Protein backbone atom coordinates (compact mmCIF):
# COMPACT_ATOMS: atom_id res chain seq x y z
CA MET A 1 39.45 -21.70 5.72
CA LEU A 2 38.48 -18.63 3.37
CA GLU A 3 34.96 -19.37 2.01
CA ARG A 4 33.63 -17.43 -1.09
CA ARG A 5 29.80 -17.30 -0.98
CA SER A 6 27.97 -17.34 -4.23
CA ARG A 7 25.35 -14.65 -4.90
CA GLU A 8 23.43 -16.61 -7.25
CA GLN A 9 20.20 -18.16 -5.83
CA PHE A 10 18.22 -20.18 -8.13
CA GLU A 11 15.51 -21.30 -5.72
CA PHE A 12 14.26 -19.85 -2.49
CA PHE A 13 12.39 -22.16 -0.20
CA LEU A 14 10.80 -20.55 2.99
CA CYS A 15 9.19 -22.62 5.60
CA GLY A 16 6.50 -20.62 7.24
CA SER A 17 5.20 -17.09 6.59
CA LEU A 18 6.81 -13.92 5.40
CA ARG A 19 5.20 -12.64 8.65
CA ASP A 20 7.99 -14.40 10.57
CA LEU A 21 10.55 -12.33 8.55
CA VAL A 22 9.14 -9.04 9.62
CA PRO A 23 9.78 -7.67 13.11
CA ASP A 24 6.83 -7.02 15.39
CA GLU A 25 7.84 -3.38 15.95
CA HIS A 26 8.02 -2.65 12.10
CA VAL A 27 5.07 -0.04 11.47
CA LEU A 28 3.40 -2.24 8.93
CA ALA A 29 3.11 -5.21 11.50
CA ARG A 30 1.81 -2.80 14.05
CA VAL A 31 -0.82 -1.45 11.54
CA ASP A 32 -1.79 -4.91 10.44
CA ARG A 33 -2.71 -6.06 13.89
CA VAL A 34 -5.48 -3.35 14.03
CA LEU A 35 -6.38 -2.95 10.36
CA ASP A 36 -9.67 -4.63 9.42
CA LEU A 37 -10.56 -4.57 5.63
CA SER A 38 -13.16 -7.33 5.60
CA TRP A 39 -15.69 -5.06 4.51
CA LEU A 40 -13.91 -3.98 1.43
CA HIS A 41 -15.00 -6.48 -1.08
CA ASP A 42 -18.70 -6.09 -0.51
CA MET A 43 -18.52 -2.37 -0.57
CA VAL A 44 -16.59 -2.34 -4.06
CA ALA A 45 -18.22 -5.45 -5.54
CA GLU A 46 -20.58 -3.44 -7.63
CA SER A 47 -17.85 -1.53 -9.46
CA TYR A 48 -16.41 -4.74 -10.87
CA ALA A 49 -17.74 -6.58 -13.97
CA ALA A 50 -17.63 -10.37 -13.64
CA SER A 51 -16.96 -11.18 -17.31
CA VAL A 52 -15.74 -7.99 -18.91
CA GLY A 53 -12.11 -6.63 -19.14
CA ARG A 54 -8.86 -7.76 -17.50
CA PRO A 55 -8.76 -9.57 -14.07
CA ALA A 56 -8.78 -7.12 -11.29
CA ILE A 57 -6.32 -6.33 -8.68
CA ASP A 58 -7.46 -7.55 -5.25
CA PRO A 59 -8.93 -4.10 -3.70
CA GLU A 60 -7.60 -5.15 -0.44
CA ALA A 61 -4.02 -5.68 -1.89
CA ALA A 62 -4.29 -2.43 -3.69
CA LEU A 63 -5.38 -0.40 -0.60
CA ARG A 64 -2.73 -2.17 1.60
CA LEU A 65 -0.11 -1.09 -0.95
CA MET A 66 -1.33 2.41 -1.05
CA LEU A 67 -1.32 2.57 2.88
CA ALA A 68 2.05 1.01 3.01
CA GLY A 69 3.47 3.69 0.66
CA PHE A 70 2.09 6.46 2.76
CA LEU A 71 3.12 4.94 6.20
CA LEU A 72 6.76 4.34 4.68
CA GLY A 73 7.02 7.58 2.90
CA ILE A 74 6.92 6.38 -0.54
CA VAL A 75 4.80 9.06 -2.54
CA HIS A 76 5.33 7.75 -6.07
CA ASP A 77 3.47 4.94 -7.51
CA ARG A 78 6.19 3.66 -9.46
CA ARG A 79 8.86 3.56 -6.84
CA LEU A 80 6.16 2.06 -4.57
CA ILE A 81 5.88 -1.00 -6.82
CA ARG A 82 9.70 -1.25 -7.24
CA GLU A 83 10.03 -1.35 -3.39
CA ALA A 84 7.16 -3.86 -3.09
CA GLN A 85 9.39 -6.14 -5.34
CA VAL A 86 12.15 -6.28 -3.03
CA ASN A 87 10.81 -5.23 0.43
CA LEU A 88 9.48 -8.32 2.22
CA ALA A 89 7.38 -6.25 4.72
CA ILE A 90 5.55 -4.59 2.06
CA ARG A 91 4.94 -7.71 0.08
CA TRP A 92 3.57 -9.50 3.44
CA PHE A 93 1.51 -6.52 4.13
CA ALA A 94 -0.41 -6.42 0.79
CA GLY A 95 -0.82 -10.27 0.74
CA TYR A 96 1.78 -11.12 -1.93
CA GLY A 97 4.08 -14.14 -1.70
CA LEU A 98 7.82 -14.12 -2.99
CA GLN A 99 6.98 -15.49 -6.32
CA GLU A 100 4.13 -13.42 -7.28
CA LYS A 101 4.75 -10.40 -9.37
């Protein structure tokens, strides 16, 4: 029987982690195994005001996005953000889920 698949997908349920969808040999998975940015928040904390301005982007997520762009050869910030919207490996590496902007 010939089946026609609908491309409309209203909900996407994922059981598990986005990491499960990223192959172990992917460059971002290999870098993540050795990358430790636990020191970053303490290092930049004095640069952020607690009650002034807009909510800040997580500095670790920002650094991981820039590193992903460098490793994947994406040199333009706008292109990196567009790629991060659709690339599951970049979203996982930066710490964003499927529904986050």
